[in-house]
Amino acid sequence: MEGKEFNGKIQTVIGKETKFFGLIESSENIRIDGKHDGELSTKGDLLISETGEVQGRVKVRNLLIAGAVQGETDITGKLKILSTGNFQGEAKMSVIEIREGAGFQGKCQQIKAK
């Protein structure tokens, strides 16, 4: 990933060779290096690495995408898409940052920070 884009401590990791289908609920920071299909909800931050893929509904504090996300996101803080990242779907967030080279296809709605 580009520099030190994520400063938080990661408590949960979905490994590069792991595919997970279903619901993930947490209050901690999560990194996905593999694939997740379903619903993911955490009070913490979510990092999708270059090898990570998420399809479904995501509800998080902050979302950093270096891989691929397809679906609906509800982000109370910041959505950041790095140059290697790709987003397709609907995004609600307080702040959005899209780096040059990143992909964004869909709708976005800015909400007030909580």
PDB file of N, CA and C in Angstrom:
ATOM      1  N   MET A   1       0.816  -1.182   0.000  1.00  0.00           N
ATOM      2  CA  MET A   1       0.000   0.000   0.000  1.00  0.00           C
ATOM      3  C   MET A   1       0.862   1.249   0.000  1.00  0.00           C
ATOM      4  N   GLU A   2       0.242   2.340  -0.396  1.00  0.00           N
ATOM      5  CA  GLU A   2       0.960   3.600  -0.525  1.00  0.00           C
ATOM      6  C   GLU A   2       1.329   4.158   0.843  1.00  0.00           C
ATOM      7  N   GLY A   3       2.577   4.068   1.195  1.00  0.00           N
ATOM      8  CA  GLY A   3       3.056   4.657   2.444  1.00  0.00           C
ATOM      9  C   GLY A   3       2.342   4.132   3.669  1.00  0.00           C
ATOM     10  N   LYS A   4       2.250   4.965   4.674  1.00  0.00           N
ATOM     11  CA  LYS A   4       1.575   4.624   5.927  1.00  0.00           C
ATOM     12  C   LYS A   4       0.160   5.194   5.880  1.00  0.00           C
ATOM     13  N   GLU A   5      -0.712   4.594   5.100  1.00  0.00           N
ATOM     14  CA  GLU A   5      -2.072   5.107   4.932  1.00  0.00           C
ATOM     15  C   GLU A   5      -2.974   4.754   6.106  1.00  0.00           C
ATOM     16  N   PHE A   6      -2.647   3.697   6.819  1.00  0.00           N
ATOM     17  CA  PHE A   6      -3.491   3.255   7.924  1.00  0.00           C
ATOM     18  C   PHE A   6      -2.677   3.267   9.193  1.00  0.00           C
ATOM     19  N   ASN A   7      -3.086   4.086  10.152  1.00  0.00           N
ATOM     20  CA  ASN A   7      -2.314   4.253  11.375  1.00  0.00           C
ATOM     21  C   ASN A   7      -2.808   3.406  12.534  1.00  0.00           C
ATOM     22  N   GLY A   8      -3.997   2.833  12.414  1.00  0.00           N
ATOM     23  CA  GLY A   8      -4.582   2.091  13.522  1.00  0.00           C
ATOM     24  C   GLY A   8      -4.001   0.699  13.690  1.00  0.00           C
ATOM     25  N   LYS A   9      -4.228   0.128  14.853  1.00  0.00           N
ATOM     26  CA  LYS A   9      -3.810  -1.238  15.135  1.00  0.00           C
ATOM     27  C   LYS A   9      -4.882  -2.189  14.598  1.00  0.00           C
ATOM     28  N   ILE A  10      -4.457  -3.218  13.885  1.00  0.00           N
ATOM     29  CA  ILE A  10      -5.376  -4.204  13.327  1.00  0.00           C
ATOM     30  C   ILE A  10      -5.567  -5.326  14.341  1.00  0.00           C
ATOM     31  N   GLN A  11      -6.827  -5.597  14.695  1.00  0.00           N
ATOM     32  CA  GLN A  11      -7.111  -6.690  15.626  1.00  0.00           C
ATOM     33  C   GLN A  11      -7.575  -7.951  14.900  1.00  0.00           C
ATOM     34  N   THR A  12      -8.198  -7.810  13.729  1.00  0.00           N
ATOM     35  CA  THR A  12      -8.751  -8.953  13.002  1.00  0.00           C
ATOM     36  C   THR A  12      -8.263  -8.925  11.564  1.00  0.00           C
ATOM     37  N   VAL A  13      -7.802 -10.093  11.065  1.00  0.00           N
ATOM     38  CA  VAL A  13      -7.315 -10.195   9.694  1.00  0.00           C
ATOM     39  C   VAL A  13      -8.000 -11.371   9.001  1.00  0.00           C
ATOM     40  N   ILE A  14      -8.536 -11.117   7.813  1.00  0.00           N
ATOM     41  CA  ILE A  14      -9.010 -12.182   6.930  1.00  0.00           C
ATOM     42  C   ILE A  14      -7.880 -12.394   5.929  1.00  0.00           C
ATOM     43  N   GLY A  15      -7.205 -13.545   6.017  1.00  0.00           N
ATOM     44  CA  GLY A  15      -5.990 -13.810   5.246  1.00  0.00           C
ATOM     45  C   GLY A  15      -6.183 -13.866   3.745  1.00  0.00           C
ATOM     46  N   LYS A  16      -5.088 -13.707   3.035  1.00  0.00           N
ATOM     47  CA  LYS A  16      -5.053 -13.647   1.576  1.00  0.00           C
ATOM     48  C   LYS A  16      -5.685 -14.873   0.924  1.00  0.00           C
ATOM     49  N   GLU A  17      -5.501 -16.038   1.512  1.00  0.00           N
ATOM     50  CA  GLU A  17      -6.021 -17.284   0.950  1.00  0.00           C
ATOM     51  C   GLU A  17      -7.368 -17.682   1.557  1.00  0.00           C
ATOM     52  N   THR A  18      -8.036 -16.741   2.241  1.00  0.00           N
ATOM     53  CA  THR A  18      -9.294 -17.034   2.932  1.00  0.00           C
ATOM     54  C   THR A  18     -10.470 -16.386   2.212  1.00  0.00           C
ATOM     55  N   LYS A  19     -11.555 -17.180   2.076  1.00  0.00           N
ATOM     56  CA  LYS A  19     -12.826 -16.682   1.557  1.00  0.00           C
ATOM     57  C   LYS A  19     -13.840 -16.834   2.677  1.00  0.00           C
ATOM     58  N   PHE A  20     -14.549 -15.742   3.003  1.00  0.00           N
ATOM     59  CA  PHE A  20     -15.516 -15.769   4.093  1.00  0.00           C
ATOM     60  C   PHE A  20     -16.866 -15.313   3.557  1.00  0.00           C
ATOM     61  N   PHE A  21     -17.895 -16.126   3.811  1.00  0.00           N
ATOM     62  CA  PHE A  21     -19.256 -15.807   3.378  1.00  0.00           C
ATOM     63  C   PHE A  21     -20.122 -15.634   4.609  1.00  0.00           C
ATOM     64  N   GLY A  22     -20.853 -14.507   4.691  1.00  0.00           N
ATOM     65  CA  GLY A  22     -21.761 -14.311   5.807  1.00  0.00           C
ATOM     66  C   GLY A  22     -21.567 -12.991   6.516  1.00  0.00           C
ATOM     67  N   LEU A  23     -21.932 -12.985   7.796  1.00  0.00           N
ATOM     68  CA  LEU A  23     -21.948 -11.781   8.612  1.00  0.00           C
ATOM     69  C   LEU A  23     -20.714 -11.692   9.506  1.00  0.00           C
ATOM     70  N   ILE A  24     -20.058 -10.528   9.484  1.00  0.00           N
ATOM     71  CA  ILE A  24     -18.974 -10.231  10.421  1.00  0.00           C
ATOM     72  C   ILE A  24     -19.422  -9.027  11.242  1.00  0.00           C
ATOM     73  N   GLU A  25     -19.451  -9.179  12.572  1.00  0.00           N
ATOM     74  CA  GLU A  25     -19.746  -8.072  13.484  1.00  0.00           C
ATOM     75  C   GLU A  25     -18.582  -7.924  14.442  1.00  0.00           C
ATOM     76  N   SER A  26     -18.143  -6.675  14.641  1.00  0.00           N
ATOM     77  CA  SER A  26     -16.981  -6.432  15.487  1.00  0.00           C
ATOM     78  C   SER A  26     -17.043  -5.010  16.038  1.00  0.00           C
ATOM     79  N   SER A  27     -16.188  -4.748  17.002  1.00  0.00           N
ATOM     80  CA  SER A  27     -15.998  -3.378  17.472  1.00  0.00           C
ATOM     81  C   SER A  27     -14.544  -2.961  17.254  1.00  0.00           C
ATOM     82  N   GLU A  28     -13.779  -3.823  16.587  1.00  0.00           N
ATOM     83  CA  GLU A  28     -12.344  -3.595  16.402  1.00  0.00           C
ATOM     84  C   GLU A  28     -12.029  -3.256  14.947  1.00  0.00           C
ATOM     85  N   ASN A  29     -10.754  -2.915  14.695  1.00  0.00           N
ATOM     86  CA  ASN A  29     -10.271  -2.666  13.341  1.00  0.00           C
ATOM     87  C   ASN A  29     -10.060  -3.994  12.623  1.00  0.00           C
ATOM     88  N   ILE A  30     -10.403  -4.013  11.329  1.00  0.00           N
ATOM     89  CA  ILE A  30     -10.335  -5.238  10.531  1.00  0.00           C
ATOM     90  C   ILE A  30      -9.550  -4.963   9.257  1.00  0.00           C
ATOM     91  N   ARG A  31      -8.728  -5.940   8.854  1.00  0.00           N
ATOM     92  CA  ARG A  31      -8.047  -5.890   7.547  1.00  0.00           C
ATOM     93  C   ARG A  31      -8.462  -7.122   6.754  1.00  0.00           C
ATOM     94  N   ILE A  32      -8.807  -6.900   5.503  1.00  0.00           N
ATOM     95  CA  ILE A  32      -9.166  -8.013   4.633  1.00  0.00           C
ATOM     96  C   ILE A  32      -8.140  -8.114   3.512  1.00  0.00           C
ATOM     97  N   ASP A  33      -7.420  -9.230   3.510  1.00  0.00           N
ATOM     98  CA  ASP A  33      -6.456  -9.545   2.448  1.00  0.00           C
ATOM     99  C   ASP A  33      -7.049 -10.554   1.475  1.00  0.00           C
ATOM    100  N   GLY A  34      -8.086 -11.278   1.917  1.00  0.00           N
ATOM    101  CA  GLY A  34      -8.742 -12.302   1.110  1.00  0.00           C
ATOM    102  C   GLY A  34     -10.049 -11.782   0.535  1.00  0.00           C
ATOM    103  N   LYS A  35     -11.087 -12.644   0.596  1.00  0.00           N
ATOM    104  CA  LYS A  35     -12.374 -12.290   0.023  1.00  0.00           C
ATOM    105  C   LYS A  35     -13.475 -12.423   1.068  1.00  0.00           C
ATOM    106  N   HIS A  36     -14.379 -11.440   1.090  1.00  0.00           N
ATOM    107  CA  HIS A  36     -15.554 -11.505   1.967  1.00  0.00           C
ATOM    108  C   HIS A  36     -16.783 -11.190   1.149  1.00  0.00           C
ATOM    109  N   ASP A  37     -17.797 -12.041   1.264  1.00  0.00           N
ATOM    110  CA  ASP A  37     -19.069 -11.849   0.580  1.00  0.00           C
ATOM    111  C   ASP A  37     -20.155 -11.893   1.640  1.00  0.00           C
ATOM    112  N   GLY A  38     -20.829 -10.770   1.862  1.00  0.00           N
ATOM    113  CA  GLY A  38     -21.874 -10.730   2.874  1.00  0.00           C
ATOM    114  C   GLY A  38     -21.971  -9.366   3.508  1.00  0.00           C
ATOM    115  N   GLU A  39     -22.209  -9.358   4.809  1.00  0.00           N
ATOM    116  CA  GLU A  39     -22.364  -8.117   5.546  1.00  0.00           C
ATOM    117  C   GLU A  39     -21.237  -7.984   6.570  1.00  0.00           C
ATOM    118  N   LEU A  40     -20.690  -6.782   6.679  1.00  0.00           N
ATOM    119  CA  LEU A  40     -19.623  -6.512   7.632  1.00  0.00           C
ATOM    120  C   LEU A  40     -19.962  -5.242   8.383  1.00  0.00           C
ATOM    121  N   SER A  41     -19.929  -5.328   9.726  1.00  0.00           N
ATOM    122  CA  SER A  41     -20.233  -4.173  10.557  1.00  0.00           C
ATOM    123  C   SER A  41     -19.221  -4.109  11.695  1.00  0.00           C
ATOM    124  N   THR A  42     -18.573  -2.955  11.836  1.00  0.00           N
ATOM    125  CA  THR A  42     -17.650  -2.752  12.946  1.00  0.00           C
ATOM    126  C   THR A  42     -17.686  -1.288  13.381  1.00  0.00           C
ATOM    127  N   LYS A  43     -17.484  -1.072  14.669  1.00  0.00           N
ATOM    128  CA  LYS A  43     -17.365   0.289  15.182  1.00  0.00           C
ATOM    129  C   LYS A  43     -15.976   0.836  14.914  1.00  0.00           C
ATOM    130  N   GLY A  44     -15.083  -0.024  14.459  1.00  0.00           N
ATOM    131  CA  GLY A  44     -13.715   0.354  14.140  1.00  0.00           C
ATOM    132  C   GLY A  44     -13.563   0.672  12.658  1.00  0.00           C
ATOM    133  N   ASP A  45     -12.317   0.593  12.192  1.00  0.00           N
ATOM    134  CA  ASP A  45     -11.972   0.896  10.810  1.00  0.00           C
ATOM    135  C   ASP A  45     -11.808  -0.391  10.012  1.00  0.00           C
ATOM    136  N   LEU A  46     -12.001  -0.289   8.692  1.00  0.00           N
ATOM    137  CA  LEU A  46     -11.839  -1.423   7.792  1.00  0.00           C
ATOM    138  C   LEU A  46     -10.815  -1.064   6.731  1.00  0.00           C
ATOM    139  N   LEU A  47      -9.835  -1.939   6.561  1.00  0.00           N
ATOM    140  CA  LEU A  47      -8.789  -1.797   5.547  1.00  0.00           C
ATOM    141  C   LEU A  47      -8.918  -2.950   4.567  1.00  0.00           C
ATOM    142  N   ILE A  48      -9.082  -2.627   3.292  1.00  0.00           N
ATOM    143  CA  ILE A  48      -9.107  -3.633   2.237  1.00  0.00           C
ATOM    144  C   ILE A  48      -7.772  -3.516   1.518  1.00  0.00           C
ATOM    145  N   SER A  49      -6.910  -4.526   1.675  1.00  0.00           N
ATOM    146  CA  SER A  49      -5.572  -4.466   1.071  1.00  0.00           C
ATOM    147  C   SER A  49      -5.664  -4.677  -0.441  1.00  0.00           C
ATOM    148  N   GLU A  50      -4.533  -4.583  -1.136  1.00  0.00           N
ATOM    149  CA  GLU A  50      -4.489  -4.734  -2.587  1.00  0.00           C
ATOM    150  C   GLU A  50      -5.057  -6.064  -3.052  1.00  0.00           C
ATOM    151  N   THR A  51      -4.923  -7.109  -2.242  1.00  0.00           N
ATOM    152  CA  THR A  51      -5.427  -8.430  -2.601  1.00  0.00           C
ATOM    153  C   THR A  51      -6.838  -8.671  -2.090  1.00  0.00           C
ATOM    154  N   GLY A  52      -7.360  -7.744  -1.302  1.00  0.00           N
ATOM    155  CA  GLY A  52      -8.668  -7.912  -0.681  1.00  0.00           C
ATOM    156  C   GLY A  52      -9.830  -7.570  -1.597  1.00  0.00           C
ATOM    157  N   GLU A  53     -10.929  -8.332  -1.417  1.00  0.00           N
ATOM    158  CA  GLU A  53     -12.157  -8.093  -2.169  1.00  0.00           C
ATOM    159  C   GLU A  53     -13.339  -8.235  -1.222  1.00  0.00           C
ATOM    160  N   VAL A  54     -14.254  -7.274  -1.286  1.00  0.00           N
ATOM    161  CA  VAL A  54     -15.458  -7.310  -0.461  1.00  0.00           C
ATOM    162  C   VAL A  54     -16.662  -7.066  -1.353  1.00  0.00           C
ATOM    163  N   GLN A  55     -17.672  -7.915  -1.172  1.00  0.00           N
ATOM    164  CA  GLN A  55     -18.923  -7.739  -1.891  1.00  0.00           C
ATOM    165  C   GLN A  55     -20.053  -7.830  -0.879  1.00  0.00           C
ATOM    166  N   GLY A  56     -20.916  -6.805  -0.850  1.00  0.00           N
ATOM    167  CA  GLY A  56     -22.036  -6.822   0.076  1.00  0.00           C
ATOM    168  C   GLY A  56     -22.228  -5.487   0.768  1.00  0.00           C
ATOM    169  N   ARG A  57     -22.704  -5.544   2.022  1.00  0.00           N
ATOM    170  CA  ARG A  57     -22.966  -4.337   2.813  1.00  0.00           C
ATOM    171  C   ARG A  57     -21.865  -4.134   3.834  1.00  0.00           C
ATOM    172  N   VAL A  58     -21.411  -2.888   3.946  1.00  0.00           N
ATOM    173  CA  VAL A  58     -20.332  -2.548   4.873  1.00  0.00           C
ATOM    174  C   VAL A  58     -20.769  -1.349   5.716  1.00  0.00           C
ATOM    175  N   LYS A  59     -20.648  -1.483   7.045  1.00  0.00           N
ATOM    176  CA  LYS A  59     -20.942  -0.375   7.954  1.00  0.00           C
ATOM    177  C   LYS A  59     -19.753  -0.251   8.902  1.00  0.00           C
ATOM    178  N   VAL A  60     -18.999   0.860   8.777  1.00  0.00           N
ATOM    179  CA  VAL A  60     -17.748   1.032   9.517  1.00  0.00           C
ATOM    180  C   VAL A  60     -17.540   2.495   9.897  1.00  0.00           C
ATOM    181  N   ARG A  61     -16.521   2.732  10.717  1.00  0.00           N
ATOM    182  CA  ARG A  61     -16.148   4.107  11.064  1.00  0.00           C
ATOM    183  C   ARG A  61     -15.395   4.746   9.901  1.00  0.00           C
ATOM    184  N   ASN A  62     -14.281   4.158   9.477  1.00  0.00           N
ATOM    185  CA  ASN A  62     -13.489   4.634   8.342  1.00  0.00           C
ATOM    186  C   ASN A  62     -13.193   3.454   7.435  1.00  0.00           C
ATOM    187  N   LEU A  63     -13.145   3.699   6.122  1.00  0.00           N
ATOM    188  CA  LEU A  63     -12.872   2.639   5.152  1.00  0.00           C
ATOM    189  C   LEU A  63     -11.735   3.074   4.241  1.00  0.00           C
ATOM    190  N   LEU A  64     -10.697   2.240   4.183  1.00  0.00           N
ATOM    191  CA  LEU A  64      -9.548   2.459   3.301  1.00  0.00           C
ATOM    192  C   LEU A  64      -9.530   1.327   2.291  1.00  0.00           C
ATOM    193  N   ILE A  65      -9.613   1.673   1.004  1.00  0.00           N
ATOM    194  CA  ILE A  65      -9.674   0.664  -0.054  1.00  0.00           C
ATOM    195  C   ILE A  65      -8.416   0.720  -0.905  1.00  0.00           C
ATOM    196  N   ALA A  66      -7.660  -0.372  -0.884  1.00  0.00           N
ATOM    197  CA  ALA A  66      -6.536  -0.544  -1.802  1.00  0.00           C
ATOM    198  C   ALA A  66      -6.854  -1.673  -2.782  1.00  0.00           C
ATOM    199  N   GLY A  67      -7.881  -2.467  -2.453  1.00  0.00           N
ATOM    200  CA  GLY A  67      -8.340  -3.577  -3.280  1.00  0.00           C
ATOM    201  C   GLY A  67      -9.659  -3.224  -3.954  1.00  0.00           C
ATOM    202  N   ALA A  68     -10.672  -4.113  -3.794  1.00  0.00           N
ATOM    203  CA  ALA A  68     -11.946  -3.916  -4.473  1.00  0.00           C
ATOM    204  C   ALA A  68     -13.124  -4.063  -3.513  1.00  0.00           C
ATOM    205  N   VAL A  69     -14.089  -3.159  -3.649  1.00  0.00           N
ATOM    206  CA  VAL A  69     -15.331  -3.212  -2.872  1.00  0.00           C
ATOM    207  C   VAL A  69     -16.491  -3.011  -3.831  1.00  0.00           C
ATOM    208  N   GLN A  70     -17.492  -3.894  -3.704  1.00  0.00           N
ATOM    209  CA  GLN A  70     -18.701  -3.772  -4.500  1.00  0.00           C
ATOM    210  C   GLN A  70     -19.894  -3.916  -3.566  1.00  0.00           C
ATOM    211  N   GLY A  71     -20.776  -2.918  -3.565  1.00  0.00           N
ATOM    212  CA  GLY A  71     -21.964  -2.992  -2.731  1.00  0.00           C
ATOM    213  C   GLY A  71     -22.325  -1.667  -2.108  1.00  0.00           C
ATOM    214  N   GLU A  72     -22.923  -1.736  -0.912  1.00  0.00           N
ATOM    215  CA  GLU A  72     -23.363  -0.547  -0.192  1.00  0.00           C
ATOM    216  C   GLU A  72     -22.472  -0.318   1.020  1.00  0.00           C
ATOM    217  N   THR A  73     -22.069   0.946   1.230  1.00  0.00           N
ATOM    218  CA  THR A  73     -21.268   1.276   2.396  1.00  0.00           C
ATOM    219  C   THR A  73     -21.930   2.392   3.188  1.00  0.00           C
ATOM    220  N   ASP A  74     -21.843   2.279   4.501  1.00  0.00           N
ATOM    221  CA  ASP A  74     -22.313   3.303   5.423  1.00  0.00           C
ATOM    222  C   ASP A  74     -21.134   3.613   6.339  1.00  0.00           C
ATOM    223  N   ILE A  75     -20.509   4.763   6.125  1.00  0.00           N
ATOM    224  CA  ILE A  75     -19.257   5.107   6.796  1.00  0.00           C
ATOM    225  C   ILE A  75     -19.486   6.371   7.616  1.00  0.00           C
ATOM    226  N   THR A  76     -19.292   6.297   8.915  1.00  0.00           N
ATOM    227  CA  THR A  76     -19.509   7.476   9.758  1.00  0.00           C
ATOM    228  C   THR A  76     -18.388   8.491   9.615  1.00  0.00           C
ATOM    229  N   GLY A  77     -17.218   8.059   9.165  1.00  0.00           N
ATOM    230  CA  GLY A  77     -16.061   8.935   9.007  1.00  0.00           C
ATOM    231  C   GLY A  77     -15.654   9.080   7.558  1.00  0.00           C
ATOM    232  N   LYS A  78     -14.436   8.605   7.244  1.00  0.00           N
ATOM    233  CA  LYS A  78     -13.795   8.855   5.948  1.00  0.00           C
ATOM    234  C   LYS A  78     -13.720   7.613   5.071  1.00  0.00           C
ATOM    235  N   LEU A  79     -14.021   7.807   3.796  1.00  0.00           N
ATOM    236  CA  LEU A  79     -13.780   6.807   2.754  1.00  0.00           C
ATOM    237  C   LEU A  79     -12.564   7.273   1.974  1.00  0.00           C
ATOM    238  N   LYS A  80     -11.523   6.427   1.951  1.00  0.00           N
ATOM    239  CA  LYS A  80     -10.321   6.749   1.187  1.00  0.00           C
ATOM    240  C   LYS A  80     -10.063   5.611   0.208  1.00  0.00           C
ATOM    241  N   ILE A  81      -9.961   5.958  -1.081  1.00  0.00           N
ATOM    242  CA  ILE A  81      -9.675   4.962  -2.110  1.00  0.00           C
ATOM    243  C   ILE A  81      -8.298   5.271  -2.678  1.00  0.00           C
ATOM    244  N   LEU A  82      -7.373   4.336  -2.490  1.00  0.00           N
ATOM    245  CA  LEU A  82      -6.004   4.514  -2.982  1.00  0.00           C
ATOM    246  C   LEU A  82      -5.943   4.244  -4.481  1.00  0.00           C
ATOM    247  N   SER A  83      -4.816   4.546  -5.107  1.00  0.00           N
ATOM    248  CA  SER A  83      -4.675   4.412  -6.556  1.00  0.00           C
ATOM    249  C   SER A  83      -4.890   2.982  -7.040  1.00  0.00           C
ATOM    250  N   THR A  84      -4.682   1.989  -6.190  1.00  0.00           N
ATOM    251  CA  THR A  84      -4.898   0.587  -6.554  1.00  0.00           C
ATOM    252  C   THR A  84      -6.322   0.135  -6.250  1.00  0.00           C
ATOM    253  N   GLY A  85      -7.119   1.001  -5.616  1.00  0.00           N
ATOM    254  CA  GLY A  85      -8.450   0.638  -5.165  1.00  0.00           C
ATOM    255  C   GLY A  85      -9.536   0.833  -6.209  1.00  0.00           C
ATOM    256  N   ASN A  86     -10.621   0.082  -6.024  1.00  0.00           N
ATOM    257  CA  ASN A  86     -11.755   0.156  -6.931  1.00  0.00           C
ATOM    258  C   ASN A  86     -13.037   0.006  -6.116  1.00  0.00           C
ATOM    259  N   PHE A  87     -13.973   0.930  -6.309  1.00  0.00           N
ATOM    260  CA  PHE A  87     -15.258   0.883  -5.616  1.00  0.00           C
ATOM    261  C   PHE A  87     -16.379   0.915  -6.629  1.00  0.00           C
ATOM    262  N   GLN A  88     -17.379   0.030  -6.444  1.00  0.00           N
ATOM    263  CA  GLN A  88     -18.593   0.032  -7.252  1.00  0.00           C
ATOM    264  C   GLN A  88     -19.776  -0.082  -6.314  1.00  0.00           C
ATOM    265  N   GLY A  89     -20.731   0.838  -6.417  1.00  0.00           N
ATOM    266  CA  GLY A  89     -21.918   0.740  -5.588  1.00  0.00           C
ATOM    267  C   GLY A  89     -22.381   2.080  -5.055  1.00  0.00           C
ATOM    268  N   GLU A  90     -22.943   2.027  -3.838  1.00  0.00           N
ATOM    269  CA  GLU A  90     -23.453   3.219  -3.177  1.00  0.00           C
ATOM    270  C   GLU A  90     -22.664   3.463  -1.897  1.00  0.00           C
ATOM    271  N   ALA A  91     -22.213   4.700  -1.718  1.00  0.00           N
ATOM    272  CA  ALA A  91     -21.401   5.041  -0.547  1.00  0.00           C
ATOM    273  C   ALA A  91     -21.992   6.237   0.184  1.00  0.00           C
ATOM    274  N   LYS A  92     -22.138   6.100   1.504  1.00  0.00           N
ATOM    275  CA  LYS A  92     -22.488   7.214   2.382  1.00  0.00           C
ATOM    276  C   LYS A  92     -21.304   7.423   3.298  1.00  0.00           C
ATOM    277  N   MET A  93     -20.830   8.677   3.377  1.00  0.00           N
ATOM    278  CA  MET A  93     -19.661   8.968   4.195  1.00  0.00           C
ATOM    279  C   MET A  93     -19.639  10.439   4.562  1.00  0.00           C
ATOM    280  N   SER A  94     -18.834  10.791   5.575  1.00  0.00           N
ATOM    281  CA  SER A  94     -18.652  12.193   5.942  1.00  0.00           C
ATOM    282  C   SER A  94     -17.629  12.865   5.044  1.00  0.00           C
ATOM    283  N   VAL A  95     -16.531  12.139   4.757  1.00  0.00           N
ATOM    284  CA  VAL A  95     -15.428  12.674   3.960  1.00  0.00           C
ATOM    285  C   VAL A  95     -15.020  11.613   2.941  1.00  0.00           C
ATOM    286  N   ILE A  96     -14.698  12.041   1.730  1.00  0.00           N
ATOM    287  CA  ILE A  96     -14.224  11.102   0.715  1.00  0.00           C
ATOM    288  C   ILE A  96     -12.924  11.616   0.113  1.00  0.00           C
ATOM    289  N   GLU A  97     -11.994  10.693  -0.098  1.00  0.00           N
ATOM    290  CA  GLU A  97     -10.725  11.006  -0.771  1.00  0.00           C
ATOM    291  C   GLU A  97     -10.468   9.912  -1.790  1.00  0.00           C
ATOM    292  N   ILE A  98     -10.342  10.312  -3.051  1.00  0.00           N
ATOM    293  CA  ILE A  98     -10.084   9.360  -4.127  1.00  0.00           C
ATOM    294  C   ILE A  98      -8.777   9.740  -4.794  1.00  0.00           C
ATOM    295  N   ARG A  99      -7.813   8.845  -4.713  1.00  0.00           N
ATOM    296  CA  ARG A  99      -6.499   9.103  -5.314  1.00  0.00           C
ATOM    297  C   ARG A  99      -6.539   8.916  -6.826  1.00  0.00           C
ATOM    298  N   GLU A 100      -5.629   9.599  -7.505  1.00  0.00           N
ATOM    299  CA  GLU A 100      -5.506   9.460  -8.946  1.00  0.00           C
ATOM    300  C   GLU A 100      -5.230   8.000  -9.295  1.00  0.00           C
ATOM    301  N   GLY A 101      -5.956   7.477 -10.263  1.00  0.00           N
ATOM    302  CA  GLY A 101      -5.789   6.087 -10.678  1.00  0.00           C
ATOM    303  C   GLY A 101      -6.800   5.146 -10.049  1.00  0.00           C
ATOM    304  N   ALA A 102      -7.461   5.598  -8.990  1.00  0.00           N
ATOM    305  CA  ALA A 102      -8.468   4.771  -8.323  1.00  0.00           C
ATOM    306  C   ALA A 102      -9.731   4.710  -9.172  1.00  0.00           C
ATOM    307  N   GLY A 103     -10.546   3.679  -8.917  1.00  0.00           N
ATOM    308  CA  GLY A 103     -11.811   3.543  -9.625  1.00  0.00           C
ATOM    309  C   GLY A 103     -12.986   3.806  -8.697  1.00  0.00           C
ATOM    310  N   PHE A 104     -13.956   4.578  -9.161  1.00  0.00           N
ATOM    311  CA  PHE A 104     -15.193   4.807  -8.417  1.00  0.00           C
ATOM    312  C   PHE A 104     -16.322   4.832  -9.419  1.00  0.00           C
ATOM    313  N   GLN A 105     -17.247   3.886  -9.255  1.00  0.00           N
ATOM    314  CA  GLN A 105     -18.413   3.833 -10.123  1.00  0.00           C
ATOM    315  C   GLN A 105     -19.639   3.641  -9.243  1.00  0.00           C
ATOM    316  N   GLY A 106     -20.535   4.604  -9.269  1.00  0.00           N
ATOM    317  CA  GLY A 106     -21.730   4.490  -8.446  1.00  0.00           C
ATOM    318  C   GLY A 106     -22.185   5.831  -7.921  1.00  0.00           C
ATOM    319  N   LYS A 107     -22.835   5.785  -6.751  1.00  0.00           N
ATOM    320  CA  LYS A 107     -23.372   6.984  -6.118  1.00  0.00           C
ATOM    321  C   LYS A 107     -22.667   7.234  -4.792  1.00  0.00           C
ATOM    322  N   CYS A 108     -22.550   8.508  -4.446  1.00  0.00           N
ATOM    323  CA  CYS A 108     -22.047   8.821  -3.102  1.00  0.00           C
ATOM    324  C   CYS A 108     -22.908   9.919  -2.502  1.00  0.00           C
ATOM    325  N   GLN A 109     -23.049   9.828  -1.183  1.00  0.00           N
ATOM    326  CA  GLN A 109     -23.829  10.797  -0.440  1.00  0.00           C
ATOM    327  C   GLN A 109     -23.036  11.209   0.780  1.00  0.00           C
ATOM    328  N   GLN A 110     -22.820  12.516   0.911  1.00  0.00           N
ATOM    329  CA  GLN A 110     -22.083  13.016   2.076  1.00  0.00           C
ATOM    330  C   GLN A 110     -23.046  13.232   3.220  1.00  0.00           C
ATOM    331  N   ILE A 111     -22.674  12.718   4.397  1.00  0.00           N
ATOM    332  CA  ILE A 111     -23.480  12.854   5.601  1.00  0.00           C
ATOM    333  C   ILE A 111     -22.693  13.645   6.630  1.00  0.00           C
ATOM    334  N   LYS A 112     -23.366  14.186   7.612  1.00  0.00           N
ATOM    335  CA  LYS A 112     -22.671  14.913   8.682  1.00  0.00           C
ATOM    336  C   LYS A 112     -21.894  13.947   9.544  1.00  0.00           C
ATOM    337  N   ALA A 113     -20.705  14.351   9.947  1.00  0.00           N
ATOM    338  CA  ALA A 113     -19.870  13.533  10.816  1.00  0.00           C
ATOM    339  C   ALA A 113     -20.573  13.341  12.153  1.00  0.00           C
ATOM    340  N   LYS A 114     -20.441  12.125  12.682  1.00  0.00           N
ATOM    341  CA  LYS A 114     -21.077  11.812  13.977  1.00  0.00           C
ATOM    342  C   LYS A 114     -20.094  11.913  15.097  1.00  0.00           C
TER     343      LYS A 114
END
